[in-house]
C-alpha cells in the first residue's frame, strides 16, 4: 500500500497513474501448481491453518472478503490499457464480498465431495 501511495504522488507531476487493487483472485488456471489465492479459498477444506488465518484476518478487518474471477482481472487490465489518457486513480477490482461461511456453504452445495 505504501508503494501504491508513492506511485499516486506522480499524478501531481502530470503523469497518468492507475492502480488496480484486486480482491482474492480465483478461477481456472493452467499453472502446474495451485496459486496462493486459490489455496486461500480452499484452506477451509485443506485445513492449512496459516492460509485460513489470513483469510479470517481480512474478514475480521473489513467484515467480508473481496473476491474476483481471474477473467475479470484480465478484462480490467485490458480496459485500463485501452483507455490510456482518460483514467487515473485507484480502482478496486472485486465482483463480490463474501464471508468464510458463505464460501463454505457454496462448496457444500456445489461440491459435496469436499468435507469442511
Protein backbone atom coordinates (compact mmCIF):
# COMPACT_ATOMS: atom_id res chain seq x y z
CA UNK A 1 0.00 0.00 0.00
CA UNK A 2 2.91 2.33 0.68
CA UNK A 3 4.27 1.73 -2.82
CA UNK A 4 0.83 2.49 -4.24
CA UNK A 5 0.67 5.78 -2.31
CA UNK A 6 4.09 6.75 -3.67
CA UNK A 7 3.03 5.98 -7.24
CA UNK A 8 -0.10 8.08 -6.88
CA UNK A 9 2.05 11.09 -5.94
CA UNK A 10 3.24 11.18 -9.57
CA UNK A 11 -0.24 12.38 -10.60
CA UNK A 12 0.82 15.77 -9.24
CA UNK A 13 3.73 15.68 -11.71
CA UNK A 14 1.28 15.42 -14.61
CA UNK A 15 1.64 11.67 -15.14
CA UNK A 16 -1.32 9.40 -15.56
CA UNK A 17 -1.26 6.81 -12.78
CA UNK A 18 -3.69 3.95 -12.35
CA UNK A 19 -3.52 1.34 -9.62
CA UNK A 20 -5.74 -1.72 -9.76
CA UNK A 21 -6.29 -3.37 -6.41
CA UNK A 22 -7.74 -6.86 -6.75
CA UNK A 23 -9.64 -8.96 -4.28
CA UNK A 24 -8.70 -12.58 -3.73
CA UNK A 25 -8.43 -13.99 -7.24
CA UNK A 26 -9.98 -17.34 -8.08
CA UNK A 27 -10.76 -19.32 -11.18
CA UNK A 28 -9.33 -21.82 -13.59
CA UNK A 29 -5.59 -21.88 -14.05
CA UNK A 30 -3.14 -23.62 -16.33
CA UNK A 31 -0.32 -23.38 -13.83
CA UNK A 32 1.32 -26.59 -12.63
CA UNK A 33 0.62 -25.53 -9.03
CA UNK A 34 -2.27 -24.03 -7.08
CA UNK A 35 -1.89 -20.23 -6.90
CA UNK A 36 -1.85 -18.84 -3.36
CA UNK A 37 -5.19 -17.07 -3.80
CA UNK A 38 -6.90 -20.32 -4.84
CA UNK A 39 -5.20 -22.07 -1.92
CA UNK A 40 -6.69 -19.43 0.39
CA UNK A 41 -10.19 -20.29 -0.88
CA UNK A 42 -9.53 -23.99 -0.39
CA UNK A 43 -7.99 -23.52 3.07
CA UNK A 44 -11.44 -24.10 4.55
CA UNK A 45 -11.04 -27.72 3.44
CA UNK A 46 -7.30 -28.30 3.27
CA UNK A 47 -7.05 -27.05 6.85
CA UNK A 48 -3.87 -25.14 6.08
CA UNK A 49 -4.00 -23.04 9.21
CA UNK A 50 -1.68 -20.25 8.01
CA UNK A 51 -3.75 -19.56 4.87
CA UNK A 52 -7.05 -19.87 6.71
CA UNK A 53 -5.86 -17.40 9.37
CA UNK A 54 -5.00 -14.87 6.65
CA UNK A 55 -8.47 -15.27 5.17
CA UNK A 56 -10.12 -14.84 8.58
CA UNK A 57 -7.93 -11.80 9.35
CA UNK A 58 -9.17 -9.96 6.26
CA UNK A 59 -12.75 -10.96 7.08
CA UNK A 60 -12.43 -9.67 10.65
CA UNK A 61 -10.75 -6.48 9.44
CA UNK A 62 -13.33 -5.39 6.85
CA UNK A 63 -16.35 -7.64 7.50
CA UNK A 64 -16.30 -9.61 4.27
CA UNK A 65 -13.57 -10.57 1.81
CA UNK A 66 -13.44 -9.08 -1.71
CA UNK A 67 -13.20 -11.79 -4.38
CA UNK A 68 -12.81 -11.68 -8.15
CA UNK A 69 -12.51 -14.16 -11.00
CA UNK A 70 -9.24 -14.20 -12.96
CA UNK A 71 -11.09 -13.43 -16.20
CA UNK A 72 -12.48 -10.24 -14.66
CA UNK A 73 -8.97 -9.20 -13.60
CA UNK A 74 -7.73 -9.72 -17.17
CA UNK A 75 -10.64 -7.68 -18.57
CA UNK A 76 -9.94 -4.88 -16.08
CA UNK A 77 -6.29 -4.72 -17.15
CA UNK A 78 -7.31 -4.61 -20.83
CA UNK A 79 -9.87 -1.89 -20.08
CA UNK A 80 -7.25 0.33 -18.49
CA UNK A 81 -4.72 -0.30 -21.26
CA UNK A 82 -7.34 0.62 -23.89
CA UNK A 83 -8.32 3.83 -22.09
CA UNK A 84 -4.91 5.41 -21.65
CA UNK A 85 -5.18 9.15 -21.13
CA UNK A 86 -8.73 9.17 -19.80
CA UNK A 87 -8.41 7.45 -16.42
CA UNK A 88 -6.31 7.85 -13.34
CA UNK A 89 -6.51 6.98 -9.66
CA UNK A 90 -7.13 3.91 -7.59
CA UNK A 91 -9.61 1.21 -8.57
CA UNK A 92 -10.84 -1.91 -6.77
CA UNK A 93 -11.45 -4.99 -8.88
CA UNK A 94 -13.89 -7.23 -6.98
CA UNK A 95 -17.09 -8.88 -8.09
CA UNK A 96 -18.37 -9.84 -4.64
CA UNK A 97 -17.72 -9.53 -0.95
CA UNK A 98 -18.16 -12.83 0.89
CA UNK A 99 -17.61 -14.40 4.29
CA UNK A 100 -15.86 -17.66 5.01
CA UNK A 101 -19.26 -19.12 5.92
CA UNK A 102 -20.66 -18.17 2.51
CA UNK A 103 -17.73 -19.80 0.73
CA UNK A 104 -18.10 -22.91 2.87
CA UNK A 105 -21.83 -23.10 2.06
CA UNK A 106 -21.10 -22.67 -1.64
CA UNK A 107 -18.64 -25.56 -1.64
CA UNK A 108 -21.01 -27.77 0.37
CA UNK A 109 -23.84 -27.16 -2.09
CA UNK A 110 -21.81 -27.43 -5.30
CA UNK A 111 -19.01 -29.81 -4.33
CA UNK A 112 -20.37 -32.22 -1.70
CA UNK A 113 -17.22 -34.37 -2.04
CA UNK A 114 -15.37 -31.64 -0.06
CA UNK A 115 -15.75 -32.03 3.66
CA UNK A 116 -15.34 -28.87 5.78
